[in-house]
C-alpha atoms as a PDB file:
ATOM      1  CA  MET A   1       0.000   0.000   0.000  1.00  0.00           C
ATOM      2  CA  THR A   2       1.384   3.412  -0.952  1.00  0.00           C
ATOM      3  CA  THR A   3       1.611   6.422   1.360  1.00  0.00           C
ATOM      4  CA  LEU A   4      -1.208   8.170  -0.463  1.00  0.00           C
ATOM      5  CA  GLU A   5      -3.479   5.127  -0.243  1.00  0.00           C
ATOM      6  CA  ALA A   6      -2.692   4.771   3.477  1.00  0.00           C
ATOM      7  CA  ALA A   7      -3.650   8.411   3.997  1.00  0.00           C
ATOM      8  CA  GLU A   8      -6.920   7.830   2.145  1.00  0.00           C
ATOM      9  CA  HIS A   9      -7.781   4.812   4.313  1.00  0.00           C
ATOM     10  CA  GLU A  10      -6.889   6.757   7.455  1.00  0.00           C
ATOM     11  CA  ALA A  11      -9.108   9.646   6.332  1.00  0.00           C
ATOM     12  CA  GLU A  12     -11.993   7.285   5.665  1.00  0.00           C
ATOM     13  CA  ALA A  13     -11.606   5.795   9.163  1.00  0.00           C
ATOM     14  CA  LYS A  14     -11.648   9.271  10.737  1.00  0.00           C
ATOM     15  CA  GLY A  15     -14.471  10.559   8.517  1.00  0.00           C
ATOM     16  CA  THR A  16     -12.271  13.233   6.921  1.00  0.00           C
ATOM     17  CA  PRO A  17     -13.452  14.433   3.458  1.00  0.00           C
ATOM     18  CA  GLN A  18     -11.338  12.975   0.644  1.00  0.00           C
ATOM     19  CA  SER A  19     -10.894  16.400  -0.923  1.00  0.00           C
ATOM     20  CA  THR A  20      -8.743  17.463   2.024  1.00  0.00           C
ATOM     21  CA  VAL A  21      -6.555  14.390   1.681  1.00  0.00           C
ATOM     22  CA  LYS A  22      -5.915  14.497  -2.069  1.00  0.00           C
ATOM     23  CA  THR A  23      -3.860  17.648  -1.899  1.00  0.00           C
ATOM     24  CA  ARG A  24      -1.160  16.091  -4.033  1.00  0.00           C
ATOM     25  CA  LYS A  25      -1.761  14.531  -7.436  1.00  0.00           C
ATOM     26  CA  ARG A  26      -0.720  10.933  -7.952  1.00  0.00           C
ATOM     27  CA  PRO A  27       2.333  10.349 -10.186  1.00  0.00           C
ATOM     28  CA  VAL A  28       1.443   9.039 -13.636  1.00  0.00           C
ATOM     29  CA  TRP A  29       2.850   5.558 -12.923  1.00  0.00           C
ATOM     30  CA  MET A  30       0.732   5.245  -9.732  1.00  0.00           C
ATOM     31  CA  GLU A  31      -2.588   6.138 -11.308  1.00  0.00           C
ATOM     32  CA  ARG A  32      -5.208   3.423 -11.398  1.00  0.00           C
ATOM     33  CA  PRO A  33      -5.902   2.605 -15.093  1.00  0.00           C
ATOM     34  CA  ASN A  34      -9.495   2.277 -16.165  1.00  0.00           C
ATOM     35  CA  PRO A  35     -10.760  -1.111 -17.448  1.00  0.00           C
ATOM     36  CA  LEU A  36     -10.292  -0.148 -21.096  1.00  0.00           C
ATOM     37  CA  VAL A  37      -6.607   0.676 -20.539  1.00  0.00           C
ATOM     38  CA  GLN A  38      -6.141  -2.598 -18.651  1.00  0.00           C
ATOM     39  CA  VAL A  39      -7.629  -4.545 -21.571  1.00  0.00           C
ATOM     40  CA  VAL A  40      -5.363  -2.742 -24.048  1.00  0.00           C
ATOM     41  CA  LYS A  41      -2.329  -3.484 -21.847  1.00  0.00           C
ATOM     42  CA  ALA A  42      -3.301  -7.166 -21.589  1.00  0.00           C
ATOM     43  CA  ILE A  43      -3.681  -7.450 -25.371  1.00  0.00           C
ATOM     44  CA  ALA A  44      -0.353  -5.686 -25.974  1.00  0.00           C
ATOM     45  CA  LEU A  45       1.432  -7.952 -23.482  1.00  0.00           C
ATOM     46  CA  PHE A  46      -0.170 -11.067 -24.998  1.00  0.00           C
ATOM     47  CA  ILE A  47       0.942 -10.062 -28.508  1.00  0.00           C
ATOM     48  CA  SER A  48       4.462  -9.298 -27.237  1.00  0.00           C
ATOM     49  CA  VAL A  49       4.711 -12.691 -25.543  1.00  0.00           C
ATOM     50  CA  ILE A  50       3.496 -14.481 -28.676  1.00  0.00           C
ATOM     51  CA  LEU A  51       5.997 -12.611 -30.848  1.00  0.00           C
ATOM     52  CA  VAL A  52       8.796 -13.699 -28.478  1.00  0.00           C
ATOM     53  CA  ILE A  53       7.693 -17.329 -28.046  1.00  0.00           C
ATOM     54  CA  ILE A  54       6.963 -18.194 -31.703  1.00  0.00           C
ATOM     55  CA  PRO A  55      10.583 -17.854 -32.946  1.00  0.00           C
ATOM     56  CA  PHE A  56      11.898 -19.893 -29.994  1.00  0.00           C
ATOM     57  CA  TRP A  57       9.255 -22.579 -30.548  1.00  0.00           C
ATOM     58  CA  SER A  58      10.027 -22.736 -34.277  1.00  0.00           C
ATOM     59  CA  VAL A  59      13.767 -23.144 -33.621  1.00  0.00           C
ATOM     60  CA  LEU A  60      13.132 -25.876 -31.026  1.00  0.00           C
ATOM     61  CA  ALA A  61      10.629 -27.754 -33.244  1.00  0.00           C
ATOM     62  CA  THR A  62      12.997 -27.618 -36.227  1.00  0.00           C
ATOM     63  CA  SER A  63      15.886 -28.960 -34.132  1.00  0.00           C
ATOM     64  CA  LEU A  64      13.720 -31.992 -33.238  1.00  0.00           C
ATOM     65  CA  ALA A  65      12.418 -32.578 -36.767  1.00  0.00           C
ATOM     66  CA  ASP A  66      13.413 -35.507 -38.988  1.00  0.00           C
ATOM     67  CA  GLN A  67      14.081 -35.514 -42.727  1.00  0.00           C
ATOM     68  CA  LYS A  68      10.443 -36.318 -43.586  1.00  0.00           C
ATOM     69  CA  THR A  69       9.135 -33.284 -41.684  1.00  0.00           C
ATOM     70  CA  ILE A  70      11.788 -31.024 -43.203  1.00  0.00           C
ATOM     71  CA  ASN A  71      10.809 -32.187 -46.689  1.00  0.00           C
ATOM     72  CA  LYS A  72       7.127 -31.417 -45.990  1.00  0.00           C
ATOM     73  CA  SER A  73       8.075 -27.830 -45.121  1.00  0.00           C
ATOM     74  CA  ALA A  74      10.094 -27.502 -48.351  1.00  0.00           C
ATOM     75  CA  GLY A  75      13.349 -27.431 -46.397  1.00  0.00           C
ATOM     76  CA  GLY A  76      12.293 -24.515 -44.184  1.00  0.00           C
ATOM     77  CA  MET A  77      11.490 -23.995 -40.519  1.00  0.00           C
ATOM     78  CA  VAL A  78       8.708 -26.103 -39.001  1.00  0.00           C
ATOM     79  CA  MET A  79       6.249 -25.331 -36.213  1.00  0.00           C
ATOM     80  CA  TRP A  80       5.380 -28.910 -35.277  1.00  0.00           C
ATOM     81  CA  THR A  81       6.922 -32.329 -35.746  1.00  0.00           C
ATOM     82  CA  SER A  82       4.937 -35.529 -35.334  1.00  0.00           C
ATOM     83  CA  SER A  83       8.013 -37.664 -34.642  1.00  0.00           C
ATOM     84  CA  PRO A  84      10.488 -35.625 -32.576  1.00  0.00           C
ATOM     85  CA  SER A  85      14.041 -36.888 -32.534  1.00  0.00           C
ATOM     86  CA  LEU A  86      17.137 -35.980 -30.521  1.00  0.00           C
ATOM     87  CA  ASN A  87      19.525 -37.124 -33.254  1.00  0.00           C
ATOM     88  CA  ALA A  88      20.665 -33.568 -33.989  1.00  0.00           C
ATOM     89  CA  TYR A  89      21.604 -33.013 -30.316  1.00  0.00           C
ATOM     90  CA  LYS A  90      23.355 -36.404 -30.136  1.00  0.00           C
ATOM     91  CA  ALA A  91      25.398 -35.447 -33.191  1.00  0.00           C
ATOM     92  CA  ILE A  92      26.560 -32.022 -32.050  1.00  0.00           C
ATOM     93  CA  LEU A  93      27.245 -33.192 -28.476  1.00  0.00           C
ATOM     94  CA  SER A  94      29.178 -36.312 -29.480  1.00  0.00           C
ATOM     95  CA  GLY A  95      32.588 -34.725 -28.935  1.00  0.00           C
ATOM     96  CA  GLY A  96      33.235 -32.622 -32.033  1.00  0.00           C
ATOM     97  CA  VAL A  97      33.702 -28.933 -32.661  1.00  0.00           C
ATOM     98  CA  VAL A  98      30.407 -27.904 -31.020  1.00  0.00           C
ATOM     99  CA  THR A  99      31.083 -29.817 -27.812  1.00  0.00           C
ATOM    100  CA  ARG A 100      34.595 -28.375 -27.614  1.00  0.00           C
ATOM    101  CA  ALA A 101      33.289 -24.842 -28.259  1.00  0.00           C
ATOM    102  CA  MET A 102      30.691 -25.219 -25.519  1.00  0.00           C
ATOM    103  CA  ILE A 103      33.318 -26.309 -22.979  1.00  0.00           C
ATOM    104  CA  ILE A 104      35.554 -23.389 -24.015  1.00  0.00           C
ATOM    105  CA  SER A 105      32.703 -20.869 -23.757  1.00  0.00           C
ATOM    106  CA  ILE A 106      31.635 -22.189 -20.353  1.00  0.00           C
ATOM    107  CA  GLY A 107      35.227 -21.958 -19.091  1.00  0.00           C
ATOM    108  CA  ILE A 108      35.707 -18.424 -20.445  1.00  0.00           C
ATOM    109  CA  THR A 109      32.349 -17.323 -19.031  1.00  0.00           C
ATOM    110  CA  VAL A 110      32.938 -18.758 -15.542  1.00  0.00           C
ATOM    111  CA  VAL A 111      36.565 -17.612 -15.197  1.00  0.00           C
ATOM    112  CA  GLY A 112      35.910 -14.244 -16.817  1.00  0.00           C
ATOM    113  CA  THR A 113      32.819 -13.499 -14.730  1.00  0.00           C
ATOM    114  CA  LEU A 114      34.555 -14.364 -11.454  1.00  0.00           C
ATOM    115  CA  LEU A 115      37.602 -12.253 -12.305  1.00  0.00           C
ATOM    116  CA  SER A 116      35.438  -9.363 -13.488  1.00  0.00           C
ATOM    117  CA  LEU A 117      33.274  -9.419 -10.364  1.00  0.00           C
ATOM    118  CA  ALA A 118      36.332  -9.562  -8.084  1.00  0.00           C
ATOM    119  CA  THR A 119      38.118  -6.666  -9.790  1.00  0.00           C
ATOM    120  CA  THR A 120      34.960  -4.593 -10.199  1.00  0.00           C
ATOM    121  CA  ALA A 121      33.948  -5.036  -6.541  1.00  0.00           C
ATOM    122  CA  GLY A 122      37.449  -4.241  -5.275  1.00  0.00           C
ATOM    123  CA  LEU A 123      37.769  -1.161  -7.452  1.00  0.00           C
ATOM    124  CA  ALA A 124      34.253   0.050  -6.646  1.00  0.00           C
ATOM    125  CA  TYR A 125      34.861  -0.369  -2.899  1.00  0.00           C
ATOM    126  CA  TRP A 126      38.111   1.572  -3.092  1.00  0.00           C
ATOM    127  CA  LEU A 127      36.420   4.416  -4.991  1.00  0.00           C
ATOM    128  CA  SER A 128      33.455   4.477  -2.600  1.00  0.00           C
ATOM    129  CA  ARG A 129      35.674   4.953   0.470  1.00  0.00           C
ATOM    130  CA  LYS A 130      37.303   8.199  -0.770  1.00  0.00           C
ATOM    131  CA  SER A 131      40.748   6.848   0.036  1.00  0.00           C
ATOM    132  CA  PHE A 132      44.062   8.088  -1.348  1.00  0.00           C
ATOM    133  CA  GLY A 133      44.067   8.273  -5.147  1.00  0.00           C
ATOM    134  CA  SER A 134      40.397   7.360  -5.512  1.00  0.00           C
ATOM    135  CA  LYS A 135      39.358  10.680  -7.082  1.00  0.00           C
ATOM    136  CA  PRO A 136      41.913  10.602  -9.960  1.00  0.00           C
ATOM    137  CA  MET A 137      40.969   6.980 -10.608  1.00  0.00           C
ATOM    138  CA  LEU A 138      37.265   7.918 -10.717  1.00  0.00           C
ATOM    139  CA  LEU A 139      38.020  10.649 -13.279  1.00  0.00           C
ATOM    140  CA  LEU A 140      40.005   8.108 -15.278  1.00  0.00           C
ATOM    141  CA  LEU A 141      37.036   5.724 -15.256  1.00  0.00           C
ATOM    142  CA  LEU A 142      34.668   8.463 -16.371  1.00  0.00           C
ATOM    143  CA  GLY A 143      37.084   9.221 -19.173  1.00  0.00           C
ATOM    144  CA  ALA A 144      37.091   5.543 -20.141  1.00  0.00           C
ATOM    145  CA  VAL A 145      33.292   5.641 -20.400  1.00  0.00           C
ATOM    146  CA  LEU A 146      33.349   8.723 -22.634  1.00  0.00           C
ATOM    147  CA  PHE A 147      36.407   7.880 -24.755  1.00  0.00           C
ATOM    148  CA  THR A 148      36.640   4.193 -25.624  1.00  0.00           C
ATOM    149  CA  PRO A 149      39.801   2.971 -27.389  1.00  0.00           C
ATOM    150  CA  GLY A 150      39.471   2.090 -31.020  1.00  0.00           C
ATOM    151  CA  LEU A 151      39.933  -1.230 -32.742  1.00  0.00           C
ATOM    152  CA  ILE A 152      43.564  -0.787 -33.791  1.00  0.00           C
ATOM    153  CA  PRO A 153      44.887   0.352 -30.353  1.00  0.00           C
ATOM    154  CA  SER A 154      43.091  -2.560 -28.677  1.00  0.00           C
ATOM    155  CA  TYR A 155      44.525  -5.045 -31.170  1.00  0.00           C
ATOM    156  CA  LEU A 156      48.061  -3.650 -30.764  1.00  0.00           C
ATOM    157  CA  VAL A 157      47.830  -3.900 -26.966  1.00  0.00           C
ATOM    158  CA  VAL A 158      46.690  -7.529 -27.176  1.00  0.00           C
ATOM    159  CA  LYS A 159      49.497  -8.270 -29.633  1.00  0.00           C
ATOM    160  CA  GLU A 160      52.174  -6.592 -27.484  1.00  0.00           C
ATOM    161  CA  PHE A 161      51.155  -8.707 -24.498  1.00  0.00           C
ATOM    162  CA  ASN A 162      51.386 -11.886 -26.643  1.00  0.00           C
ATOM    163  CA  LEU A 163      47.721 -12.697 -26.096  1.00  0.00           C
ATOM    164  CA  LEU A 164      46.861 -13.387 -29.741  1.00  0.00           C
ATOM    165  CA  ASP A 165      45.268 -16.813 -30.274  1.00  0.00           C
ATOM    166  CA  SER A 166      44.926 -17.147 -26.489  1.00  0.00           C
ATOM    167  CA  TRP A 167      41.714 -17.485 -24.503  1.00  0.00           C
ATOM    168  CA  TRP A 168      42.990 -14.740 -22.196  1.00  0.00           C
ATOM    169  CA  SER A 169      42.529 -12.325 -25.101  1.00  0.00           C
ATOM    170  CA  LEU A 170      38.779 -12.788 -24.617  1.00  0.00           C
ATOM    171  CA  ILE A 171      38.947 -12.049 -20.867  1.00  0.00           C
ATOM    172  CA  LEU A 172      41.668  -9.550 -19.973  1.00  0.00           C
ATOM    173  CA  PRO A 173      40.802  -6.701 -22.424  1.00  0.00           C
ATOM    174  CA  VAL A 174      37.197  -6.590 -21.198  1.00  0.00           C
ATOM    175  CA  MET A 175      37.682  -7.736 -17.608  1.00  0.00           C
ATOM    176  CA  VAL A 176      36.729  -4.373 -16.043  1.00  0.00           C
ATOM    177  CA  ASN A 177      33.807  -2.373 -17.375  1.00  0.00           C
ATOM    178  CA  ALA A 178      33.947   1.264 -16.196  1.00  0.00           C
ATOM    179  CA  PHE A 179      30.176   1.692 -16.231  1.00  0.00           C
ATOM    180  CA  ASN A 180      29.693  -1.387 -14.018  1.00  0.00           C
ATOM    181  CA  VAL A 181      32.307  -0.051 -11.583  1.00  0.00           C
ATOM    182  CA  ILE A 182      30.451   3.259 -11.306  1.00  0.00           C
ATOM    183  CA  VAL A 183      27.118   1.494 -10.724  1.00  0.00           C
ATOM    184  CA  MET A 184      28.579  -0.771  -8.033  1.00  0.00           C
ATOM    185  CA  ARG A 185      30.321   2.202  -6.382  1.00  0.00           C
ATOM    186  CA  ALA A 186      26.950   3.981  -6.164  1.00  0.00           C
ATOM    187  CA  PHE A 187      25.457   0.905  -4.460  1.00  0.00           C
ATOM    188  CA  PHE A 188      28.316   0.688  -1.942  1.00  0.00           C
ATOM    189  CA  GLN A 189      27.881   4.376  -1.066  1.00  0.00           C
ATOM    190  CA  GLU A 190      24.233   3.712  -0.136  1.00  0.00           C
ATOM    191  CA  LEU A 191      25.247   1.182   2.538  1.00  0.00           C
ATOM    192  CA  PRO A 192      25.134   2.475   6.173  1.00  0.00           C
ATOM    193  CA  GLN A 193      28.463   4.122   6.929  1.00  0.00           C
ATOM    194  CA  GLU A 194      28.121   3.166  10.617  1.00  0.00           C
ATOM    195  CA  LEU A 195      28.895  -0.437   9.632  1.00  0.00           C
ATOM    196  CA  PHE A 196      32.255   0.569   8.199  1.00  0.00           C
ATOM    197  CA  GLU A 197      33.090   2.761  11.182  1.00  0.00           C
ATOM    198  CA  SER A 198      32.208   0.010  13.675  1.00  0.00           C
ATOM    199  CA  ALA A 199      34.284  -2.533  11.777  1.00  0.00           C
ATOM    200  CA  GLU A 200      37.258  -0.161  11.622  1.00  0.00           C
ATOM    201  CA  ILE A 201      37.010   0.497  15.380  1.00  0.00           C
ATOM    202  CA  ASP A 202      37.089  -3.278  15.926  1.00  0.00           C
ATOM    203  CA  GLY A 203      40.293  -3.438  13.888  1.00  0.00           C
ATOM    204  CA  ALA A 204      38.939  -4.967  10.668  1.00  0.00           C
ATOM    205  CA  SER A 205      41.030  -4.441   7.551  1.00  0.00           C
ATOM    206  CA  SER A 206      39.627  -3.137   4.272  1.00  0.00           C
ATOM    207  CA  PHE A 207      39.681  -6.655   2.793  1.00  0.00           C
ATOM    208  CA  THR A 208      37.745  -8.011   5.797  1.00  0.00           C
ATOM    209  CA  ILE A 209      35.169  -5.222   5.569  1.00  0.00           C
ATOM    210  CA  LEU A 210      34.728  -5.854   1.843  1.00  0.00           C
ATOM    211  CA  THR A 211      34.380  -9.645   2.081  1.00  0.00           C
ATOM    212  CA  ARG A 212      32.556  -9.946   5.423  1.00  0.00           C
ATOM    213  CA  ILE A 213      30.258  -6.897   5.357  1.00  0.00           C
ATOM    214  CA  VAL A 214      29.973  -5.235   1.955  1.00  0.00           C
ATOM    215  CA  LEU A 215      29.662  -8.215  -0.392  1.00  0.00           C
ATOM    216  CA  PRO A 216      27.040 -10.122   1.688  1.00  0.00           C
ATOM    217  CA  LEU A 217      24.896  -6.946   1.661  1.00  0.00           C
ATOM    218  CA  SER A 218      25.350  -6.460  -2.091  1.00  0.00           C
ATOM    219  CA  LYS A 219      23.844  -9.641  -3.548  1.00  0.00           C
ATOM    220  CA  ALA A 220      21.467  -7.707  -5.812  1.00  0.00           C
ATOM    221  CA  VAL A 221      24.089  -5.618  -7.565  1.00  0.00           C
ATOM    222  CA  LEU A 222      26.511  -8.563  -7.725  1.00  0.00           C
ATOM    223  CA  ALA A 223      23.828 -10.730  -9.365  1.00  0.00           C
ATOM    224  CA  VAL A 224      22.919  -8.127 -11.985  1.00  0.00           C
ATOM    225  CA  ILE A 225      26.451  -7.100 -12.885  1.00  0.00           C
ATOM    226  CA  GLY A 226      27.541 -10.744 -12.817  1.00  0.00           C
ATOM    227  CA  LEU A 227      24.775 -11.537 -15.309  1.00  0.00           C
ATOM    228  CA  PHE A 228      25.879  -8.630 -17.524  1.00  0.00           C
ATOM    229  CA  TYR A 229      29.459  -9.916 -17.496  1.00  0.00           C
ATOM    230  CA  ALA A 230      28.397 -13.551 -18.071  1.00  0.00           C
ATOM    231  CA  VAL A 231      26.220 -12.673 -21.078  1.00  0.00           C
ATOM    232  CA  ALA A 232      29.013 -10.540 -22.535  1.00  0.00           C
ATOM    233  CA  TYR A 233      31.586 -13.340 -22.182  1.00  0.00           C
ATOM    234  CA  TRP A 234      29.199 -15.995 -23.525  1.00  0.00           C
ATOM    235  CA  ASN A 235      28.326 -13.891 -26.585  1.00  0.00           C
ATOM    236  CA  ALA A 236      31.914 -12.706 -27.160  1.00  0.00           C
ATOM    237  CA  PHE A 237      32.086 -12.758 -30.938  1.00  0.00           C
ATOM    238  CA  PHE A 238      34.025  -9.806 -32.280  1.00  0.00           C
ATOM    239  CA  ASN A 239      37.063 -10.240 -30.012  1.00  0.00           C
ATOM    240  CA  ALA A 240      37.101 -13.971 -30.790  1.00  0.00           C
ATOM    241  CA  LEU A 241      36.969 -13.202 -34.511  1.00  0.00           C
ATOM    242  CA  LEU A 242      39.921 -10.802 -34.152  1.00  0.00           C
ATOM    243  CA  TYR A 243      42.152 -12.646 -31.723  1.00  0.00           C
ATOM    244  CA  ILE A 244      41.476 -16.389 -32.152  1.00  0.00           C
ATOM    245  CA  GLN A 245      42.939 -17.976 -35.282  1.00  0.00           C
ATOM    246  CA  THR A 246      43.060 -21.655 -34.319  1.00  0.00           C
ATOM    247  CA  THR A 247      39.824 -23.514 -35.068  1.00  0.00           C
ATOM    248  CA  ASP A 248      40.268 -25.797 -32.052  1.00  0.00           C
ATOM    249  CA  LYS A 249      40.092 -22.717 -29.769  1.00  0.00           C
ATOM    250  CA  TRP A 250      36.832 -21.367 -31.151  1.00  0.00           C
ATOM    251  CA  PRO A 251      34.209 -20.335 -28.580  1.00  0.00           C
ATOM    252  CA  MET A 252      30.507 -20.915 -29.191  1.00  0.00           C
ATOM    253  CA  ALA A 253      29.964 -17.544 -30.880  1.00  0.00           C
ATOM    254  CA  LEU A 254      32.312 -18.411 -33.756  1.00  0.00           C
ATOM    255  CA  VAL A 255      30.664 -21.825 -34.156  1.00  0.00           C
ATOM    256  CA  LEU A 256      27.301 -20.087 -34.424  1.00  0.00           C
ATOM    257  CA  ARG A 257      28.645 -17.702 -37.038  1.00  0.00           C
ATOM    258  CA  THR A 258      30.206 -20.480 -39.099  1.00  0.00           C
ATOM    259  CA  PHE A 259      27.461 -23.099 -39.078  1.00  0.00           C
ATOM    260  CA  VAL A 260      24.277 -21.051 -38.497  1.00  0.00           C
ATOM    261  CA  VAL A 261      24.889 -17.575 -39.950  1.00  0.00           C
ATOM    262  CA  ASN A 262      27.163 -18.626 -42.834  1.00  0.00           C
ATOM    263  CA  GLN A 263      25.302 -21.985 -43.150  1.00  0.00           C
ATOM    264  CA  THR A 264      28.505 -23.958 -43.625  1.00  0.00           C
ATOM    265  CA  THR A 265      27.763 -27.670 -44.040  1.00  0.00           C
ATOM    266  CA  ILE A 266      28.472 -29.705 -40.898  1.00  0.00           C
ATOM    267  CA  GLY A 267      30.391 -32.886 -41.673  1.00  0.00           C
ATOM    268  CA  GLY A 268      30.518 -36.077 -39.647  1.00  0.00           C
ATOM    269  CA  ASP A 269      34.225 -35.582 -38.925  1.00  0.00           C
ATOM    270  CA  GLN A 270      33.531 -32.144 -37.402  1.00  0.00           C
ATOM    271  CA  VAL A 271      31.097 -33.477 -34.824  1.00  0.00           C
ATOM    272  CA  GLY A 272      32.871 -36.780 -34.207  1.00  0.00           C
ATOM    273  CA  MET A 273      30.058 -38.905 -35.618  1.00  0.00           C
ATOM    274  CA  SER A 274      30.620 -41.780 -38.069  1.00  0.00           C
ATOM    275  CA  GLU A 275      26.950 -42.735 -38.463  1.00  0.00           C
ATOM    276  CA  VAL A 276      24.435 -41.229 -40.866  1.00  0.00           C
ATOM    277  CA  MET A 277      24.185 -37.517 -40.143  1.00  0.00           C
ATOM    278  CA  PRO A 278      20.832 -35.809 -39.412  1.00  0.00           C
ATOM    279  CA  PRO A 279      19.661 -33.105 -41.869  1.00  0.00           C
ATOM    280  CA  GLN A 280      21.635 -29.859 -41.824  1.00  0.00           C
ATOM    281  CA  LEU A 281      18.774 -27.573 -40.749  1.00  0.00           C
ATOM    282  CA  PRO A 282      17.981 -29.483 -37.498  1.00  0.00           C
ATOM    283  CA  LEU A 283      21.727 -29.542 -36.766  1.00  0.00           C
ATOM    284  CA  GLN A 284      21.952 -25.773 -37.168  1.00  0.00           C
ATOM    285  CA  MET A 285      18.888 -25.169 -35.002  1.00  0.00           C
ATOM    286  CA  ALA A 286      20.219 -27.580 -32.362  1.00  0.00           C
ATOM    287  CA  ILE A 287      23.434 -25.521 -32.209  1.00  0.00           C
ATOM    288  CA  LEU A 288      21.315 -22.399 -31.767  1.00  0.00           C
ATOM    289  CA  VAL A 289      19.335 -23.992 -28.923  1.00  0.00           C
ATOM    290  CA  VAL A 290      22.491 -25.221 -27.190  1.00  0.00           C
ATOM    291  CA  ALA A 291      23.939 -21.701 -27.396  1.00  0.00           C
ATOM    292  CA  ILE A 292      20.836 -20.153 -25.798  1.00  0.00           C
ATOM    293  CA  VAL A 293      20.039 -22.671 -23.055  1.00  0.00           C
ATOM    294  CA  PRO A 294      22.906 -21.912 -20.599  1.00  0.00           C
ATOM    295  CA  ILE A 295      21.868 -18.257 -20.238  1.00  0.00           C
ATOM    296  CA  LEU A 296      18.207 -19.285 -19.893  1.00  0.00           C
ATOM    297  CA  ILE A 297      19.200 -21.670 -17.090  1.00  0.00           C
ATOM    298  CA  VAL A 298      21.189 -19.029 -15.203  1.00  0.00           C
ATOM    299  CA  TYR A 299      18.615 -16.237 -15.419  1.00  0.00           C
ATOM    300  CA  PRO A 300      15.870 -17.728 -13.123  1.00  0.00           C
ATOM    301  CA  PHE A 301      18.386 -18.046 -10.269  1.00  0.00           C
ATOM    302  CA  LEU A 302      19.202 -14.330 -10.542  1.00  0.00           C
ATOM    303  CA  GLN A 303      15.715 -13.077 -11.364  1.00  0.00           C
ATOM    304  CA  ARG A 304      14.759 -12.270  -7.763  1.00  0.00           C
ATOM    305  CA  HIS A 305      17.735  -9.876  -7.523  1.00  0.00           C
ATOM    306  CA  PHE A 306      17.360  -8.498 -11.013  1.00  0.00           C
ATOM    307  CA  ALA A 307      14.529  -5.986 -10.508  1.00  0.00           C
ATOM    308  CA  LYS A 308      16.207  -4.408  -7.480  1.00  0.00           C
ATOM    309  CA  GLY A 309      19.712  -4.459  -8.898  1.00  0.00           C
ATOM    310  CA  VAL A 310      18.859  -3.056 -12.307  1.00  0.00           C
ATOM    311  CA  MET A 311      17.192   0.003 -10.692  1.00  0.00           C
ATOM    312  CA  ILE A 312      20.412   1.011  -8.925  1.00  0.00           C
ATOM    313  CA  GLY A 313      21.311   4.516  -9.898  1.00  0.00           C
ATOM    314  CA  ALA A 314      18.046   5.039 -11.778  1.00  0.00           C
ATOM    315  CA  VAL A 315      16.030   6.380  -8.827  1.00  0.00           C
ATOM    316  CA  LYS A 316      17.234   8.965  -6.356  1.00  0.00           C
ATOM    317  CA  GLY A 317      15.686   9.711  -2.973  1.00  0.00           C
END
């Protein structure tokens, strides 16, 4: 119940006229929509959900389709298959290039996200405490947000550090995002300062305060920024295209580009399968599903923190 609604109920209980209570107009987002507006909203939401679900359903149904169903649809996408088969998933997960790319992408995503969260939290805590050198570093971060390095300087830096054709080239250049540091710093500044002062009086070090007090109270912002980092690492395409030359080191994004976007034919030797291969279209759609599923699995575990964390910095007061 909002403050204004509580005042209205209190006025009704005391017999006070409503005109004396409604001295302040409701904000637009707190107004009660009339039934017609609610119906329009419901229809708009229903159409939006359908437009989102239909492509996913079509991709999933095509990945389960057999040759007979594909032929009925003239070689195109299908919406329903009467005899679903997992042969396409068995083929791509039988130890070939797709399986290897998935393992590489999972490793890069897990290691990269942990390193990014650790460095971002440490840097944000330092900047939030107004310690020595924090102000110049904050100005440097703001400058990094406004003036991003170009493609050639980034490539030369990676080359000078001998990171070409290395998985670290997908992690280290993007390990710290200045915008995420600023958002996390704003969250840390909202925490009660008395906690820090009490811990310092008890002799706690900065590392102890960060790990024992700050991080346990910051699950929302850690979940949201961790999800941002994880999605960025999982979808890392452009850096992989620039820095990774060896096919055996391809992450999932390059496999998607090669076999789904460019529609390169998938051979039995590439997926480690000696039996008869499933049709190409279900194989391509199965790769697409496998690339989407890990993020869909992670999101529900972070959803309860997402609404609170994503509003950080958006609302003041």
